[in-house]
Amino acid sequence: MWRLTAAILILAACQGAETADTCGASDYASFIGTNIAAITLPADLDHRVVGPDSILTQDFVETRLNINVDENGVIQSLTCG
């Protein structure tokens, strides 16, 4: 029984880490559906714009905001990493 409890606690901790808003993406949620060229971001914001054909580094920076755009530059989603 203790193994099951431990497994549940570990899974819950992992899930919480995946959904944590460590980069403040929720602060910019209103930008979804807007063209990237039409928004202004703070100069000190750690971010990158990710297009459909973007080549990215595989490093995970939990405080970096990823702005995912479609082929027309319209913001589709915001993620941390």
C-alpha atoms as a PDB file:
ATOM      1  CA  MET A   1       0.000   0.000   0.000  1.00  0.00           C
ATOM      2  CA  TRP A   2       2.815   2.458   0.797  1.00  0.00           C
ATOM      3  CA  ARG A   3       4.279   1.935  -2.680  1.00  0.00           C
ATOM      4  CA  LEU A   4       1.006   2.933  -4.301  1.00  0.00           C
ATOM      5  CA  THR A   5       0.788   6.009  -2.113  1.00  0.00           C
ATOM      6  CA  ALA A   6       4.378   6.956  -2.944  1.00  0.00           C
ATOM      7  CA  ALA A   7       3.743   6.479  -6.669  1.00  0.00           C
ATOM      8  CA  ILE A   8       0.653   8.690  -6.542  1.00  0.00           C
ATOM      9  CA  LEU A   9       2.546  11.428  -4.716  1.00  0.00           C
ATOM     10  CA  ILE A  10       5.400  11.319  -7.219  1.00  0.00           C
ATOM     11  CA  LEU A  11       3.022  11.499 -10.184  1.00  0.00           C
ATOM     12  CA  ALA A  12       1.144  14.391  -8.611  1.00  0.00           C
ATOM     13  CA  ALA A  13       4.395  16.296  -8.090  1.00  0.00           C
ATOM     14  CA  CYS A  14       5.448  15.730 -11.698  1.00  0.00           C
ATOM     15  CA  GLN A  15       2.100  16.838 -13.048  1.00  0.00           C
ATOM     16  CA  GLY A  16       2.246  20.010 -10.990  1.00  0.00           C
ATOM     17  CA  ALA A  17       5.637  20.843 -12.445  1.00  0.00           C
ATOM     18  CA  GLU A  18       4.340  20.443 -15.998  1.00  0.00           C
ATOM     19  CA  THR A  19       1.445  22.815 -15.477  1.00  0.00           C
ATOM     20  CA  ALA A  20       3.279  25.455 -13.448  1.00  0.00           C
ATOM     21  CA  ASP A  21       3.235  28.908 -15.033  1.00  0.00           C
ATOM     22  CA  THR A  22       6.905  29.614 -14.296  1.00  0.00           C
ATOM     23  CA  CYS A  23       7.264  32.091 -17.170  1.00  0.00           C
ATOM     24  CA  GLY A  24       4.098  34.126 -16.640  1.00  0.00           C
ATOM     25  CA  ALA A  25       2.362  32.865 -19.784  1.00  0.00           C
ATOM     26  CA  SER A  26      -1.054  33.536 -18.259  1.00  0.00           C
ATOM     27  CA  ASP A  27      -0.178  37.253 -18.139  1.00  0.00           C
ATOM     28  CA  TYR A  28      -0.051  37.274 -21.947  1.00  0.00           C
ATOM     29  CA  ALA A  29      -3.004  34.960 -22.698  1.00  0.00           C
ATOM     30  CA  SER A  30      -4.973  37.833 -24.206  1.00  0.00           C
ATOM     31  CA  PHE A  31      -2.440  37.917 -27.075  1.00  0.00           C
ATOM     32  CA  ILE A  32      -3.585  34.535 -28.405  1.00  0.00           C
ATOM     33  CA  GLY A  33      -5.195  35.098 -31.807  1.00  0.00           C
ATOM     34  CA  THR A  34      -3.245  38.328 -32.382  1.00  0.00           C
ATOM     35  CA  ASN A  35      -0.480  38.781 -34.948  1.00  0.00           C
ATOM     36  CA  ILE A  36       2.951  38.871 -33.310  1.00  0.00           C
ATOM     37  CA  ALA A  37       3.734  42.116 -35.186  1.00  0.00           C
ATOM     38  CA  ALA A  38       0.848  43.882 -33.439  1.00  0.00           C
ATOM     39  CA  ILE A  39       1.949  43.321 -29.841  1.00  0.00           C
ATOM     40  CA  THR A  40       4.479  44.984 -27.589  1.00  0.00           C
ATOM     41  CA  LEU A  41       6.373  42.965 -25.011  1.00  0.00           C
ATOM     42  CA  PRO A  42       8.519  44.208 -22.135  1.00  0.00           C
ATOM     43  CA  ALA A  43      12.152  44.661 -23.203  1.00  0.00           C
ATOM     44  CA  ASP A  44      13.414  42.484 -20.363  1.00  0.00           C
ATOM     45  CA  LEU A  45      11.025  39.573 -21.024  1.00  0.00           C
ATOM     46  CA  ASP A  46      12.880  36.291 -21.620  1.00  0.00           C
ATOM     47  CA  HIS A  47      11.002  34.940 -24.631  1.00  0.00           C
ATOM     48  CA  ARG A  48      11.303  33.430 -28.075  1.00  0.00           C
ATOM     49  CA  VAL A  49       8.926  33.333 -31.019  1.00  0.00           C
ATOM     50  CA  VAL A  50       8.417  29.817 -32.349  1.00  0.00           C
ATOM     51  CA  GLY A  51       7.108  29.414 -35.876  1.00  0.00           C
ATOM     52  CA  PRO A  52       6.065  26.231 -37.690  1.00  0.00           C
ATOM     53  CA  ASP A  53       9.522  25.772 -39.243  1.00  0.00           C
ATOM     54  CA  SER A  54      11.601  27.142 -36.374  1.00  0.00           C
ATOM     55  CA  ILE A  55      14.768  25.357 -35.354  1.00  0.00           C
ATOM     56  CA  LEU A  56      15.073  25.464 -31.574  1.00  0.00           C
ATOM     57  CA  THR A  57      17.626  24.611 -28.969  1.00  0.00           C
ATOM     58  CA  GLN A  58      16.574  21.742 -26.742  1.00  0.00           C
ATOM     59  CA  ASP A  59      17.429  23.498 -23.484  1.00  0.00           C
ATOM     60  CA  PHE A  60      14.571  23.979 -21.064  1.00  0.00           C
ATOM     61  CA  VAL A  61      14.461  27.389 -19.390  1.00  0.00           C
ATOM     62  CA  GLU A  62      11.433  27.374 -17.116  1.00  0.00           C
ATOM     63  CA  THR A  63      11.263  31.173 -16.989  1.00  0.00           C
ATOM     64  CA  ARG A  64      11.370  31.629 -20.782  1.00  0.00           C
ATOM     65  CA  LEU A  65       8.087  32.343 -22.573  1.00  0.00           C
ATOM     66  CA  ASN A  66       7.627  30.514 -25.881  1.00  0.00           C
ATOM     67  CA  ILE A  67       5.256  32.366 -28.193  1.00  0.00           C
ATOM     68  CA  ASN A  68       4.016  29.825 -30.725  1.00  0.00           C
ATOM     69  CA  VAL A  69       2.820  31.364 -33.983  1.00  0.00           C
ATOM     70  CA  ASP A  70       1.350  29.942 -37.170  1.00  0.00           C
ATOM     71  CA  GLU A  71       2.659  30.548 -40.694  1.00  0.00           C
ATOM     72  CA  ASN A  72       0.941  33.970 -40.744  1.00  0.00           C
ATOM     73  CA  GLY A  73       2.470  35.117 -37.450  1.00  0.00           C
ATOM     74  CA  VAL A  74      -0.751  34.706 -35.469  1.00  0.00           C
ATOM     75  CA  ILE A  75      -0.137  33.631 -31.879  1.00  0.00           C
ATOM     76  CA  GLN A  76      -1.558  30.146 -31.331  1.00  0.00           C
ATOM     77  CA  SER A  77      -0.338  29.329 -27.820  1.00  0.00           C
ATOM     78  CA  LEU A  78       2.044  30.327 -25.056  1.00  0.00           C
ATOM     79  CA  THR A  79       4.222  27.864 -23.179  1.00  0.00           C
ATOM     80  CA  CYS A  80       7.088  27.964 -20.725  1.00  0.00           C
ATOM     81  CA  GLY A  81      10.455  26.502 -21.545  1.00  0.00           C
END
